């Protein structure tokens, strides 16, 4: 088993990792990765329009803060009381359902006049490991187009609408199309040693990042090792019936050739007590179709990265981080060529 980097000097010199996605999957992975490297960047979708984030988006016109906040919570190095404050949700009054962490970001957005700067300032307050970057500052909506030609606008509406249509999602778009990325997001991607796509909701957390102008091309053009981390289960209202290869195919169709080198999939069994609950939703453990993935020209690595206990089938942050870093160290050797310049060699 790979040990976490044992001293501060090695941690500060750890690989430059860029994790791209959103939702619970991304924030879970970040909790494990921050133990191995200080040079960690989360590039996060801003297409959410539901819950407390959606309320703030509609009321004051700011980008949705929820996924950004979750990532900062995972990377924060703060006192326990601050962690409790960040995750606290009001239960009564006009703030019912709203997160205190979202409100802090909303206040900083007003004070600084920029959501990007608000995220940067809050990151400093929380003393986070690495950095969190919204993929774009544009006000975007997510549109899903289904195989029967129907369509729906709004990330929070896609799940229920898909169930009504009873057919697969054909593709998703951002409205307006191809918004401008934040330069810092592209810079982080181009400078990365390792790029991780997922885990997380395929169409609503991972792919929206690839619909931002220049992002998939920047991923494809970098010499970094590029890993797609497969979900443990299919997702109700989004990817019922999908295999691992189906996920990769959808990712590539929305992105660019050369965007993925390797797929990391879980091979640990999902606890029996969880299977029944997921089956009621039409969700099952993800089938890893090895031949199709190989036919795509991609390498496949299967590791036991699922959490052994809990109410949901999710990745174990430590096991996932260990697997990712082990794969990286086996396949890439970083050679110093001068100040701040690295070359990845197989």
C-alpha atoms as a PDB file:
ATOM      1  CA  UNK A   1       0.000   0.000   0.000  1.00  0.00           C
ATOM      2  CA  UNK A   2       1.277   3.450  -0.916  1.00  0.00           C
ATOM      3  CA  UNK A   3       2.016   5.620   2.112  1.00  0.00           C
ATOM      4  CA  UNK A   4       1.098   9.288   2.292  1.00  0.00           C
ATOM      5  CA  UNK A   5       4.054  11.605   1.734  1.00  0.00           C
ATOM      6  CA  UNK A   6       5.800  11.584   5.126  1.00  0.00           C
ATOM      7  CA  UNK A   7       7.277  15.087   5.319  1.00  0.00           C
ATOM      8  CA  UNK A   8       6.400  18.638   4.436  1.00  0.00           C
ATOM      9  CA  UNK A   9       9.185  19.072   1.891  1.00  0.00           C
ATOM     10  CA  UNK A  10       8.029  16.135  -0.232  1.00  0.00           C
ATOM     11  CA  UNK A  11       4.391  17.215   0.142  1.00  0.00           C
ATOM     12  CA  UNK A  12       5.251  20.693  -1.138  1.00  0.00           C
ATOM     13  CA  UNK A  13       7.090  19.151  -4.105  1.00  0.00           C
ATOM     14  CA  UNK A  14       4.296  16.677  -4.878  1.00  0.00           C
ATOM     15  CA  UNK A  15       2.861  16.302  -8.387  1.00  0.00           C
ATOM     16  CA  UNK A  16       0.707  19.042  -9.842  1.00  0.00           C
ATOM     17  CA  UNK A  17      -2.734  17.446  -9.908  1.00  0.00           C
ATOM     18  CA  UNK A  18      -5.793  18.984 -11.562  1.00  0.00           C
ATOM     19  CA  UNK A  19      -9.130  17.345 -10.678  1.00  0.00           C
ATOM     20  CA  UNK A  20     -12.038  18.311 -12.944  1.00  0.00           C
ATOM     21  CA  UNK A  21     -15.698  17.779 -12.066  1.00  0.00           C
ATOM     22  CA  UNK A  22     -18.154  18.699  -9.345  1.00  0.00           C
ATOM     23  CA  UNK A  23     -20.501  17.295  -6.748  1.00  0.00           C
ATOM     24  CA  UNK A  24     -19.821  14.759  -4.012  1.00  0.00           C
ATOM     25  CA  UNK A  25     -17.469  12.627  -6.100  1.00  0.00           C
ATOM     26  CA  UNK A  26     -14.944  15.402  -6.628  1.00  0.00           C
ATOM     27  CA  UNK A  27     -14.977  16.675  -3.058  1.00  0.00           C
ATOM     28  CA  UNK A  28     -14.575  13.122  -1.701  1.00  0.00           C
ATOM     29  CA  UNK A  29     -11.515  12.514  -3.852  1.00  0.00           C
ATOM     30  CA  UNK A  30      -9.930  15.819  -2.819  1.00  0.00           C
ATOM     31  CA  UNK A  31      -9.983  14.772   0.850  1.00  0.00           C
ATOM     32  CA  UNK A  32      -7.601  11.960   0.049  1.00  0.00           C
ATOM     33  CA  UNK A  33      -5.399  13.717  -2.494  1.00  0.00           C
ATOM     34  CA  UNK A  34      -4.554  16.664  -0.246  1.00  0.00           C
ATOM     35  CA  UNK A  35      -2.492  14.312   1.960  1.00  0.00           C
ATOM     36  CA  UNK A  36      -0.083  13.638  -0.901  1.00  0.00           C
ATOM     37  CA  UNK A  37       0.546  16.999  -2.552  1.00  0.00           C
ATOM     38  CA  UNK A  38       0.200  20.697  -1.926  1.00  0.00           C
ATOM     39  CA  UNK A  39      -0.021  21.300  -5.674  1.00  0.00           C
ATOM     40  CA  UNK A  40      -3.679  20.412  -6.052  1.00  0.00           C
ATOM     41  CA  UNK A  41      -6.233  22.274  -8.177  1.00  0.00           C
ATOM     42  CA  UNK A  42      -9.959  21.588  -8.446  1.00  0.00           C
ATOM     43  CA  UNK A  43     -11.598  22.929 -11.626  1.00  0.00           C
ATOM     44  CA  UNK A  44     -15.296  22.954 -10.849  1.00  0.00           C
ATOM     45  CA  UNK A  45     -18.537  23.219 -12.814  1.00  0.00           C
ATOM     46  CA  UNK A  46     -20.910  26.151 -12.229  1.00  0.00           C
ATOM     47  CA  UNK A  47     -24.007  24.773 -13.974  1.00  0.00           C
ATOM     48  CA  UNK A  48     -25.970  23.904 -10.811  1.00  0.00           C
ATOM     49  CA  UNK A  49     -29.365  25.586 -10.469  1.00  0.00           C
ATOM     50  CA  UNK A  50     -30.992  23.653  -7.624  1.00  0.00           C
ATOM     51  CA  UNK A  51     -31.134  23.876  -3.826  1.00  0.00           C
ATOM     52  CA  UNK A  52     -29.466  26.687  -1.923  1.00  0.00           C
ATOM     53  CA  UNK A  53     -27.084  27.411  -4.791  1.00  0.00           C
ATOM     54  CA  UNK A  54     -29.996  27.901  -7.145  1.00  0.00           C
ATOM     55  CA  UNK A  55     -31.673  30.261  -4.689  1.00  0.00           C
ATOM     56  CA  UNK A  56     -28.604  32.498  -4.519  1.00  0.00           C
ATOM     57  CA  UNK A  57     -28.182  32.332  -8.265  1.00  0.00           C
ATOM     58  CA  UNK A  58     -31.742  33.521  -8.848  1.00  0.00           C
ATOM     59  CA  UNK A  59     -31.859  36.053  -6.009  1.00  0.00           C
ATOM     60  CA  UNK A  60     -28.564  37.891  -6.429  1.00  0.00           C
ATOM     61  CA  UNK A  61     -27.275  36.763  -9.817  1.00  0.00           C
ATOM     62  CA  UNK A  62     -24.084  35.071  -8.631  1.00  0.00           C
ATOM     63  CA  UNK A  63     -22.700  31.768  -9.958  1.00  0.00           C
ATOM     64  CA  UNK A  64     -23.880  28.755  -7.943  1.00  0.00           C
ATOM     65  CA  UNK A  65     -21.501  28.296  -4.988  1.00  0.00           C
ATOM     66  CA  UNK A  66     -22.442  24.789  -3.807  1.00  0.00           C
ATOM     67  CA  UNK A  67     -19.919  22.605  -5.657  1.00  0.00           C
ATOM     68  CA  UNK A  68     -17.190  25.187  -5.082  1.00  0.00           C
ATOM     69  CA  UNK A  69     -17.959  25.245  -1.351  1.00  0.00           C
ATOM     70  CA  UNK A  70     -17.896  21.445  -1.069  1.00  0.00           C
ATOM     71  CA  UNK A  71     -14.424  21.380  -2.610  1.00  0.00           C
ATOM     72  CA  UNK A  72     -13.152  24.075  -0.256  1.00  0.00           C
ATOM     73  CA  UNK A  73     -14.580  22.186   2.716  1.00  0.00           C
ATOM     74  CA  UNK A  74     -12.641  19.092   1.620  1.00  0.00           C
ATOM     75  CA  UNK A  75      -9.389  21.017   1.220  1.00  0.00           C
ATOM     76  CA  UNK A  76      -9.769  23.258   4.286  1.00  0.00           C
ATOM     77  CA  UNK A  77      -7.346  23.199   7.203  1.00  0.00           C
ATOM     78  CA  UNK A  78      -9.450  24.858   9.896  1.00  0.00           C
ATOM     79  CA  UNK A  79     -10.680  24.402  13.438  1.00  0.00           C
ATOM     80  CA  UNK A  80     -13.591  21.945  13.954  1.00  0.00           C
ATOM     81  CA  UNK A  81     -16.000  24.783  14.785  1.00  0.00           C
ATOM     82  CA  UNK A  82     -15.317  26.393  11.401  1.00  0.00           C
ATOM     83  CA  UNK A  83     -15.979  23.102   9.644  1.00  0.00           C
ATOM     84  CA  UNK A  84     -19.318  22.880  11.458  1.00  0.00           C
ATOM     85  CA  UNK A  85     -20.178  26.441  10.482  1.00  0.00           C
ATOM     86  CA  UNK A  86     -19.398  25.854   6.808  1.00  0.00           C
ATOM     87  CA  UNK A  87     -21.705  22.835   6.609  1.00  0.00           C
ATOM     88  CA  UNK A  88     -24.491  24.276   8.787  1.00  0.00           C
ATOM     89  CA  UNK A  89     -27.883  24.558   7.066  1.00  0.00           C
ATOM     90  CA  UNK A  90     -30.612  26.830   8.344  1.00  0.00           C
ATOM     91  CA  UNK A  91     -33.838  25.010   9.112  1.00  0.00           C
ATOM     92  CA  UNK A  92     -36.295  27.885   9.537  1.00  0.00           C
ATOM     93  CA  UNK A  93     -37.331  31.185   8.025  1.00  0.00           C
ATOM     94  CA  UNK A  94     -36.346  32.637   4.672  1.00  0.00           C
ATOM     95  CA  UNK A  95     -32.922  30.956   4.937  1.00  0.00           C
ATOM     96  CA  UNK A  96     -34.351  27.455   5.370  1.00  0.00           C
ATOM     97  CA  UNK A  97     -32.217  24.959   3.457  1.00  0.00           C
ATOM     98  CA  UNK A  98     -29.423  27.457   2.846  1.00  0.00           C
ATOM     99  CA  UNK A  99     -25.823  26.644   3.780  1.00  0.00           C
ATOM    100  CA  UNK A 100     -23.804  29.090   5.859  1.00  0.00           C
ATOM    101  CA  UNK A 101     -20.802  28.396   3.619  1.00  0.00           C
ATOM    102  CA  UNK A 102     -22.828  29.504   0.595  1.00  0.00           C
ATOM    103  CA  UNK A 103     -23.719  32.736   2.366  1.00  0.00           C
ATOM    104  CA  UNK A 104     -20.061  33.476   3.098  1.00  0.00           C
ATOM    105  CA  UNK A 105     -19.270  33.090  -0.591  1.00  0.00           C
ATOM    106  CA  UNK A 106     -22.251  35.287  -1.481  1.00  0.00           C
ATOM    107  CA  UNK A 107     -21.017  38.012   0.883  1.00  0.00           C
ATOM    108  CA  UNK A 108     -17.479  37.828  -0.493  1.00  0.00           C
ATOM    109  CA  UNK A 109     -18.883  37.964  -4.015  1.00  0.00           C
ATOM    110  CA  UNK A 110     -20.566  41.233  -3.092  1.00  0.00           C
ATOM    111  CA  UNK A 111     -17.517  42.657  -1.301  1.00  0.00           C
ATOM    112  CA  UNK A 112     -14.996  41.786  -4.032  1.00  0.00           C
ATOM    113  CA  UNK A 113     -17.297  42.228  -7.026  1.00  0.00           C
ATOM    114  CA  UNK A 114     -15.998  39.002  -8.574  1.00  0.00           C
ATOM    115  CA  UNK A 115     -16.910  35.380  -7.957  1.00  0.00           C
ATOM    116  CA  UNK A 116     -13.391  34.263  -8.875  1.00  0.00           C
ATOM    117  CA  UNK A 117     -11.946  36.667  -6.312  1.00  0.00           C
ATOM    118  CA  UNK A 118     -14.551  35.629  -3.732  1.00  0.00           C
ATOM    119  CA  UNK A 119     -13.434  31.994  -4.114  1.00  0.00           C
ATOM    120  CA  UNK A 120      -9.795  33.031  -3.822  1.00  0.00           C
ATOM    121  CA  UNK A 121     -10.429  35.066  -0.666  1.00  0.00           C
ATOM    122  CA  UNK A 122     -12.458  32.317   0.994  1.00  0.00           C
ATOM    123  CA  UNK A 123      -9.734  29.825   0.135  1.00  0.00           C
ATOM    124  CA  UNK A 124      -7.282  31.986   2.053  1.00  0.00           C
ATOM    125  CA  UNK A 125      -9.615  32.272   5.033  1.00  0.00           C
ATOM    126  CA  UNK A 126      -9.950  28.490   5.172  1.00  0.00           C
ATOM    127  CA  UNK A 127      -6.226  27.914   4.528  1.00  0.00           C
ATOM    128  CA  UNK A 128      -7.083  25.290   1.919  1.00  0.00           C
ATOM    129  CA  UNK A 129      -4.559  22.932   0.417  1.00  0.00           C
ATOM    130  CA  UNK A 130      -4.134  23.892  -3.232  1.00  0.00           C
ATOM    131  CA  UNK A 131      -6.731  25.963  -5.054  1.00  0.00           C
ATOM    132  CA  UNK A 132     -10.327  25.785  -6.243  1.00  0.00           C
ATOM    133  CA  UNK A 133     -11.198  27.434  -9.575  1.00  0.00           C
ATOM    134  CA  UNK A 134     -14.639  27.833 -11.188  1.00  0.00           C
ATOM    135  CA  UNK A 135     -14.301  26.643 -14.777  1.00  0.00           C
ATOM    136  CA  UNK A 136     -16.013  29.822 -16.006  1.00  0.00           C
ATOM    137  CA  UNK A 137     -17.475  32.990 -14.533  1.00  0.00           C
ATOM    138  CA  UNK A 138     -20.277  33.047 -17.124  1.00  0.00           C
ATOM    139  CA  UNK A 139     -23.923  32.622 -16.096  1.00  0.00           C
ATOM    140  CA  UNK A 140     -24.600  29.258 -17.747  1.00  0.00           C
ATOM    141  CA  UNK A 141     -27.539  26.867 -17.869  1.00  0.00           C
ATOM    142  CA  UNK A 142     -27.258  23.168 -18.656  1.00  0.00           C
ATOM    143  CA  UNK A 143     -29.503  21.762 -21.395  1.00  0.00           C
ATOM    144  CA  UNK A 144     -30.042  18.038 -21.922  1.00  0.00           C
ATOM    145  CA  UNK A 145     -31.160  16.675 -25.309  1.00  0.00           C
ATOM    146  CA  UNK A 146     -32.608  13.156 -25.298  1.00  0.00           C
ATOM    147  CA  UNK A 147     -32.523  10.412 -27.917  1.00  0.00           C
ATOM    148  CA  UNK A 148     -36.192  11.017 -28.735  1.00  0.00           C
ATOM    149  CA  UNK A 149     -35.447  14.655 -29.580  1.00  0.00           C
ATOM    150  CA  UNK A 150     -36.965  16.170 -26.437  1.00  0.00           C
ATOM    151  CA  UNK A 151     -34.951  18.607 -24.346  1.00  0.00           C
ATOM    152  CA  UNK A 152     -34.958  20.303 -20.983  1.00  0.00           C
ATOM    153  CA  UNK A 153     -33.039  23.285 -19.599  1.00  0.00           C
ATOM    154  CA  UNK A 154     -31.826  23.325 -16.004  1.00  0.00           C
ATOM    155  CA  UNK A 155     -29.458  20.906 -14.264  1.00  0.00           C
ATOM    156  CA  UNK A 156     -31.945  20.260 -11.457  1.00  0.00           C
ATOM    157  CA  UNK A 157     -34.680  19.244 -13.942  1.00  0.00           C
ATOM    158  CA  UNK A 158     -32.739  16.654 -15.913  1.00  0.00           C
ATOM    159  CA  UNK A 159     -33.254  13.662 -13.596  1.00  0.00           C
ATOM    160  CA  UNK A 160     -37.057  13.842 -13.407  1.00  0.00           C
ATOM    161  CA  UNK A 161     -37.399  14.748 -17.088  1.00  0.00           C
ATOM    162  CA  UNK A 162     -35.303  11.749 -18.123  1.00  0.00           C
ATOM    163  CA  UNK A 163     -37.538   9.438 -16.123  1.00  0.00           C
ATOM    164  CA  UNK A 164     -40.590  10.892 -17.853  1.00  0.00           C
ATOM    165  CA  UNK A 165     -39.047  10.415 -21.295  1.00  0.00           C
ATOM    166  CA  UNK A 166     -37.739   6.927 -20.466  1.00  0.00           C
ATOM    167  CA  UNK A 167     -34.819   7.191 -22.881  1.00  0.00           C
ATOM    168  CA  UNK A 168     -31.127   8.017 -22.780  1.00  0.00           C
ATOM    169  CA  UNK A 169     -29.542  11.424 -22.830  1.00  0.00           C
ATOM    170  CA  UNK A 170     -28.080  12.040 -26.294  1.00  0.00           C
ATOM    171  CA  UNK A 171     -25.958  15.022 -25.318  1.00  0.00           C
ATOM    172  CA  UNK A 172     -25.853  18.100 -23.109  1.00  0.00           C
ATOM    173  CA  UNK A 173     -25.146  21.741 -23.967  1.00  0.00           C
ATOM    174  CA  UNK A 174     -24.362  24.914 -22.100  1.00  0.00           C
ATOM    175  CA  UNK A 175     -26.478  28.006 -22.688  1.00  0.00           C
ATOM    176  CA  UNK A 176     -24.856  30.234 -23.844  1.00  0.00           C
ATOM    177  CA  UNK A 177     -22.681  27.810 -25.788  1.00  0.00           C
ATOM    178  CA  UNK A 178     -18.924  27.650 -25.279  1.00  0.00           C
ATOM    179  CA  UNK A 179     -18.530  30.264 -22.536  1.00  0.00           C
ATOM    180  CA  UNK A 180     -15.094  31.718 -21.919  1.00  0.00           C
ATOM    181  CA  UNK A 181     -13.004  29.806 -19.367  1.00  0.00           C
ATOM    182  CA  UNK A 182     -11.213  31.432 -16.484  1.00  0.00           C
ATOM    183  CA  UNK A 183      -7.579  31.810 -17.623  1.00  0.00           C
ATOM    184  CA  UNK A 184      -6.383  30.343 -14.327  1.00  0.00           C
ATOM    185  CA  UNK A 185      -8.287  27.120 -15.081  1.00  0.00           C
ATOM    186  CA  UNK A 186      -6.571  26.670 -18.447  1.00  0.00           C
ATOM    187  CA  UNK A 187      -3.213  27.586 -16.935  1.00  0.00           C
ATOM    188  CA  UNK A 188      -3.586  24.914 -14.248  1.00  0.00           C
ATOM    189  CA  UNK A 189      -4.516  22.275 -16.848  1.00  0.00           C
ATOM    190  CA  UNK A 190      -1.578  23.133 -19.097  1.00  0.00           C
ATOM    191  CA  UNK A 191       0.857  23.036 -16.161  1.00  0.00           C
ATOM    192  CA  UNK A 192      -0.409  19.758 -14.669  1.00  0.00           C
ATOM    193  CA  UNK A 193       1.508  16.529 -14.167  1.00  0.00           C
ATOM    194  CA  UNK A 194      -1.708  14.558 -13.655  1.00  0.00           C
ATOM    195  CA  UNK A 195      -5.281  15.333 -14.725  1.00  0.00           C
ATOM    196  CA  UNK A 196      -8.263  13.540 -13.195  1.00  0.00           C
ATOM    197  CA  UNK A 197     -11.749  13.563 -14.719  1.00  0.00           C
ATOM    198  CA  UNK A 198     -14.437  12.501 -12.255  1.00  0.00           C
ATOM    199  CA  UNK A 199     -15.639  10.729 -10.281  1.00  0.00           C
ATOM    200  CA  UNK A 200     -19.102  12.258 -10.293  1.00  0.00           C
ATOM    201  CA  UNK A 201     -22.344  12.590 -12.207  1.00  0.00           C
ATOM    202  CA  UNK A 202     -21.416  12.132 -15.854  1.00  0.00           C
ATOM    203  CA  UNK A 203     -23.716  14.647 -17.537  1.00  0.00           C
ATOM    204  CA  UNK A 204     -24.213  17.152 -14.726  1.00  0.00           C
ATOM    205  CA  UNK A 205     -20.836  17.294 -12.943  1.00  0.00           C
ATOM    206  CA  UNK A 206     -18.031  16.160 -15.258  1.00  0.00           C
ATOM    207  CA  UNK A 207     -19.107  16.897 -18.842  1.00  0.00           C
ATOM    208  CA  UNK A 208     -20.271  20.524 -18.244  1.00  0.00           C
ATOM    209  CA  UNK A 209     -16.617  21.453 -17.697  1.00  0.00           C
ATOM    210  CA  UNK A 210     -15.787  20.117 -21.159  1.00  0.00           C
ATOM    211  CA  UNK A 211     -18.363  22.408 -22.773  1.00  0.00           C
ATOM    212  CA  UNK A 212     -16.381  25.506 -21.802  1.00  0.00           C
ATOM    213  CA  UNK A 213     -14.308  26.957 -24.643  1.00  0.00           C
ATOM    214  CA  UNK A 214     -10.799  25.525 -24.847  1.00  0.00           C
ATOM    215  CA  UNK A 215     -10.996  23.170 -21.867  1.00  0.00           C
ATOM    216  CA  UNK A 216     -11.098  19.784 -23.653  1.00  0.00           C
ATOM    217  CA  UNK A 217      -8.404  20.923 -26.097  1.00  0.00           C
ATOM    218  CA  UNK A 218      -6.147  22.023 -23.228  1.00  0.00           C
ATOM    219  CA  UNK A 219      -6.606  18.618 -21.572  1.00  0.00           C
ATOM    220  CA  UNK A 220      -5.858  16.738 -24.794  1.00  0.00           C
ATOM    221  CA  UNK A 221      -2.771  18.798 -25.644  1.00  0.00           C
ATOM    222  CA  UNK A 222      -1.015  18.521 -22.291  1.00  0.00           C
ATOM    223  CA  UNK A 223       1.645  15.874 -21.663  1.00  0.00           C
ATOM    224  CA  UNK A 224       0.110  15.106 -18.267  1.00  0.00           C
ATOM    225  CA  UNK A 225      -1.176  11.618 -17.517  1.00  0.00           C
ATOM    226  CA  UNK A 226      -4.975  11.816 -17.936  1.00  0.00           C
ATOM    227  CA  UNK A 227      -7.181   9.478 -15.907  1.00  0.00           C
ATOM    228  CA  UNK A 228     -10.953   9.053 -16.020  1.00  0.00           C
ATOM    229  CA  UNK A 229     -12.182   7.755 -12.667  1.00  0.00           C
ATOM    230  CA  UNK A 230     -15.271   5.620 -13.158  1.00  0.00           C
ATOM    231  CA  UNK A 231     -18.236   5.862 -10.815  1.00  0.00           C
ATOM    232  CA  UNK A 232     -18.985   2.905  -8.582  1.00  0.00           C
ATOM    233  CA  UNK A 233     -22.689   2.760  -9.500  1.00  0.00           C
ATOM    234  CA  UNK A 234     -24.861   3.837 -12.389  1.00  0.00           C
ATOM    235  CA  UNK A 235     -26.927   6.898 -11.514  1.00  0.00           C
ATOM    236  CA  UNK A 236     -30.686   7.091 -11.225  1.00  0.00           C
ATOM    237  CA  UNK A 237     -32.098   9.629 -13.697  1.00  0.00           C
ATOM    238  CA  UNK A 238     -28.850   9.973 -15.592  1.00  0.00           C
ATOM    239  CA  UNK A 239     -26.903   6.838 -16.556  1.00  0.00           C
ATOM    240  CA  UNK A 240     -29.178   3.818 -15.996  1.00  0.00           C
ATOM    241  CA  UNK A 241     -27.951   0.943 -18.147  1.00  0.00           C
ATOM    242  CA  UNK A 242     -24.562   2.524 -18.827  1.00  0.00           C
ATOM    243  CA  UNK A 243     -21.332   0.533 -18.698  1.00  0.00           C
ATOM    244  CA  UNK A 244     -17.915   1.985 -17.990  1.00  0.00           C
ATOM    245  CA  UNK A 245     -17.244   2.207 -21.732  1.00  0.00           C
ATOM    246  CA  UNK A 246     -20.550   4.049 -22.237  1.00  0.00           C
ATOM    247  CA  UNK A 247     -19.367   6.656 -19.736  1.00  0.00           C
ATOM    248  CA  UNK A 248     -16.053   7.054 -21.535  1.00  0.00           C
ATOM    249  CA  UNK A 249     -17.736   7.269 -24.926  1.00  0.00           C
ATOM    250  CA  UNK A 250     -20.069  10.052 -23.764  1.00  0.00           C
ATOM    251  CA  UNK A 251     -17.112  11.870 -22.235  1.00  0.00           C
ATOM    252  CA  UNK A 252     -15.124  11.711 -25.466  1.00  0.00           C
ATOM    253  CA  UNK A 253     -18.081  12.744 -27.633  1.00  0.00           C
ATOM    254  CA  UNK A 254     -18.433  15.927 -25.595  1.00  0.00           C
ATOM    255  CA  UNK A 255     -14.691  16.525 -25.388  1.00  0.00           C
ATOM    256  CA  UNK A 256     -11.714  16.022 -27.682  1.00  0.00           C
ATOM    257  CA  UNK A 257      -9.564  13.128 -28.928  1.00  0.00           C
ATOM    258  CA  UNK A 258      -6.637  12.322 -26.661  1.00  0.00           C
ATOM    259  CA  UNK A 259      -8.403  13.558 -23.543  1.00  0.00           C
ATOM    260  CA  UNK A 260      -8.107  10.274 -21.599  1.00  0.00           C
ATOM    261  CA  UNK A 261      -5.170   7.874 -21.328  1.00  0.00           C
ATOM    262  CA  UNK A 262      -6.401   5.500 -18.638  1.00  0.00           C
ATOM    263  CA  UNK A 263      -9.587   4.484 -16.824  1.00  0.00           C
ATOM    264  CA  UNK A 264      -9.550   3.661 -13.124  1.00  0.00           C
ATOM    265  CA  UNK A 265     -12.455   1.457 -12.024  1.00  0.00           C
ATOM    266  CA  UNK A 266     -13.488  -0.045  -8.719  1.00  0.00           C
ATOM    267  CA  UNK A 267     -13.277  -3.824  -8.322  1.00  0.00           C
ATOM    268  CA  UNK A 268     -14.422  -4.119  -4.694  1.00  0.00           C
ATOM    269  CA  UNK A 269     -17.914  -5.528  -4.139  1.00  0.00           C
ATOM    270  CA  UNK A 270     -20.666  -3.155  -3.070  1.00  0.00           C
ATOM    271  CA  UNK A 271     -22.086  -4.152   0.349  1.00  0.00           C
ATOM    272  CA  UNK A 272     -25.214  -6.262   0.055  1.00  0.00           C
ATOM    273  CA  UNK A 273     -27.214  -3.966   2.307  1.00  0.00           C
ATOM    274  CA  UNK A 274     -26.798  -1.136  -0.229  1.00  0.00           C
ATOM    275  CA  UNK A 275     -27.595  -3.076  -3.381  1.00  0.00           C
ATOM    276  CA  UNK A 276     -31.321  -3.374  -2.628  1.00  0.00           C
ATOM    277  CA  UNK A 277     -31.721   0.336  -2.072  1.00  0.00           C
ATOM    278  CA  UNK A 278     -29.979   1.184  -5.332  1.00  0.00           C
ATOM    279  CA  UNK A 279     -31.909  -1.442  -7.281  1.00  0.00           C
ATOM    280  CA  UNK A 280     -35.158   0.254  -6.275  1.00  0.00           C
ATOM    281  CA  UNK A 281     -33.886   3.313  -8.152  1.00  0.00           C
ATOM    282  CA  UNK A 282     -32.738   1.286 -11.140  1.00  0.00           C
ATOM    283  CA  UNK A 283     -29.067   1.782 -10.241  1.00  0.00           C
ATOM    284  CA  UNK A 284     -26.558  -1.077 -10.167  1.00  0.00           C
ATOM    285  CA  UNK A 285     -22.785  -1.504  -9.765  1.00  0.00           C
ATOM    286  CA  UNK A 286     -21.028  -0.235 -12.874  1.00  0.00           C
ATOM    287  CA  UNK A 287     -20.156  -2.996 -15.336  1.00  0.00           C
ATOM    288  CA  UNK A 288     -16.561  -2.675 -16.505  1.00  0.00           C
ATOM    289  CA  UNK A 289     -16.525  -3.851 -20.132  1.00  0.00           C
ATOM    290  CA  UNK A 290     -12.811  -4.380 -20.544  1.00  0.00           C
ATOM    291  CA  UNK A 291     -12.804  -5.275 -24.252  1.00  0.00           C
ATOM    292  CA  UNK A 292     -14.616  -2.095 -25.320  1.00  0.00           C
ATOM    293  CA  UNK A 293     -12.314   0.083 -23.266  1.00  0.00           C
ATOM    294  CA  UNK A 294      -9.278  -1.636 -24.793  1.00  0.00           C
ATOM    295  CA  UNK A 295     -10.769  -1.136 -28.272  1.00  0.00           C
ATOM    296  CA  UNK A 296     -10.882   2.605 -27.550  1.00  0.00           C
ATOM    297  CA  UNK A 297      -7.124   2.508 -27.099  1.00  0.00           C
ATOM    298  CA  UNK A 298      -7.298   3.156 -23.374  1.00  0.00           C
ATOM    299  CA  UNK A 299      -5.570   1.417 -20.514  1.00  0.00           C
ATOM    300  CA  UNK A 300      -7.749   0.062 -17.717  1.00  0.00           C
ATOM    301  CA  UNK A 301      -6.765  -0.312 -14.074  1.00  0.00           C
ATOM    302  CA  UNK A 302      -9.112  -1.907 -11.551  1.00  0.00           C
ATOM    303  CA  UNK A 303      -8.519  -1.326  -7.844  1.00  0.00           C
ATOM    304  CA  UNK A 304     -10.656  -1.828  -4.701  1.00  0.00           C
ATOM    305  CA  UNK A 305     -11.404   1.873  -4.119  1.00  0.00           C
ATOM    306  CA  UNK A 306     -14.982   1.687  -2.793  1.00  0.00           C
ATOM    307  CA  UNK A 307     -15.790   2.539   0.803  1.00  0.00           C
ATOM    308  CA  UNK A 308     -16.490  -0.584   2.856  1.00  0.00           C
ATOM    309  CA  UNK A 309     -19.104   1.001   5.138  1.00  0.00           C
ATOM    310  CA  UNK A 310     -21.617   3.819   4.952  1.00  0.00           C
ATOM    311  CA  UNK A 311     -25.101   4.617   3.734  1.00  0.00           C
ATOM    312  CA  UNK A 312     -24.051   5.126   0.105  1.00  0.00           C
ATOM    313  CA  UNK A 313     -21.779   3.349  -2.370  1.00  0.00           C
ATOM    314  CA  UNK A 314     -18.978   5.879  -2.670  1.00  0.00           C
ATOM    315  CA  UNK A 315     -15.249   6.012  -3.141  1.00  0.00           C
ATOM    316  CA  UNK A 316     -13.023   5.772  -0.109  1.00  0.00           C
ATOM    317  CA  UNK A 317     -10.953   8.997  -0.277  1.00  0.00           C
ATOM    318  CA  UNK A 318      -7.779   7.379   1.032  1.00  0.00           C
ATOM    319  CA  UNK A 319      -7.972   4.265  -1.123  1.00  0.00           C
ATOM    320  CA  UNK A 320      -8.743   6.328  -4.209  1.00  0.00           C
ATOM    321  CA  UNK A 321      -5.867   8.733  -3.574  1.00  0.00           C
ATOM    322  CA  UNK A 322      -3.483   5.811  -2.989  1.00  0.00           C
ATOM    323  CA  UNK A 323      -4.545   4.192  -6.263  1.00  0.00           C
ATOM    324  CA  UNK A 324      -4.229   7.432  -8.252  1.00  0.00           C
ATOM    325  CA  UNK A 325      -0.766   8.249  -6.920  1.00  0.00           C
ATOM    326  CA  UNK A 326       0.422   4.677  -7.354  1.00  0.00           C
ATOM    327  CA  UNK A 327      -0.685   4.697 -11.008  1.00  0.00           C
ATOM    328  CA  UNK A 328       0.968   8.054 -11.567  1.00  0.00           C
ATOM    329  CA  UNK A 329       4.276   6.969 -10.055  1.00  0.00           C
ATOM    330  CA  UNK A 330       4.317   3.735 -12.028  1.00  0.00           C
ATOM    331  CA  UNK A 331       3.693   5.407 -15.384  1.00  0.00           C
ATOM    332  CA  UNK A 332       5.440   8.743 -15.249  1.00  0.00           C
ATOM    333  CA  UNK A 333       8.834   9.953 -14.126  1.00  0.00           C
ATOM    334  CA  UNK A 334       9.165  13.638 -13.448  1.00  0.00           C
ATOM    335  CA  UNK A 335      12.538  15.053 -14.443  1.00  0.00           C
ATOM    336  CA  UNK A 336      13.685  18.497 -13.347  1.00  0.00           C
ATOM    337  CA  UNK A 337      14.924  20.558 -16.301  1.00  0.00           C
ATOM    338  CA  UNK A 338      15.336  23.950 -14.683  1.00  0.00           C
ATOM    339  CA  UNK A 339      13.331  26.317 -12.588  1.00  0.00           C
ATOM    340  CA  UNK A 340       9.599  25.459 -12.607  1.00  0.00           C
ATOM    341  CA  UNK A 341       9.913  23.292 -15.727  1.00  0.00           C
ATOM    342  CA  UNK A 342       8.993  19.622 -15.769  1.00  0.00           C
ATOM    343  CA  UNK A 343       8.822  17.055 -18.548  1.00  0.00           C
ATOM    344  CA  UNK A 344       6.724  13.926 -18.275  1.00  0.00           C
ATOM    345  CA  UNK A 345       8.465  10.858 -19.655  1.00  0.00           C
ATOM    346  CA  UNK A 346       6.854   7.452 -19.917  1.00  0.00           C
END
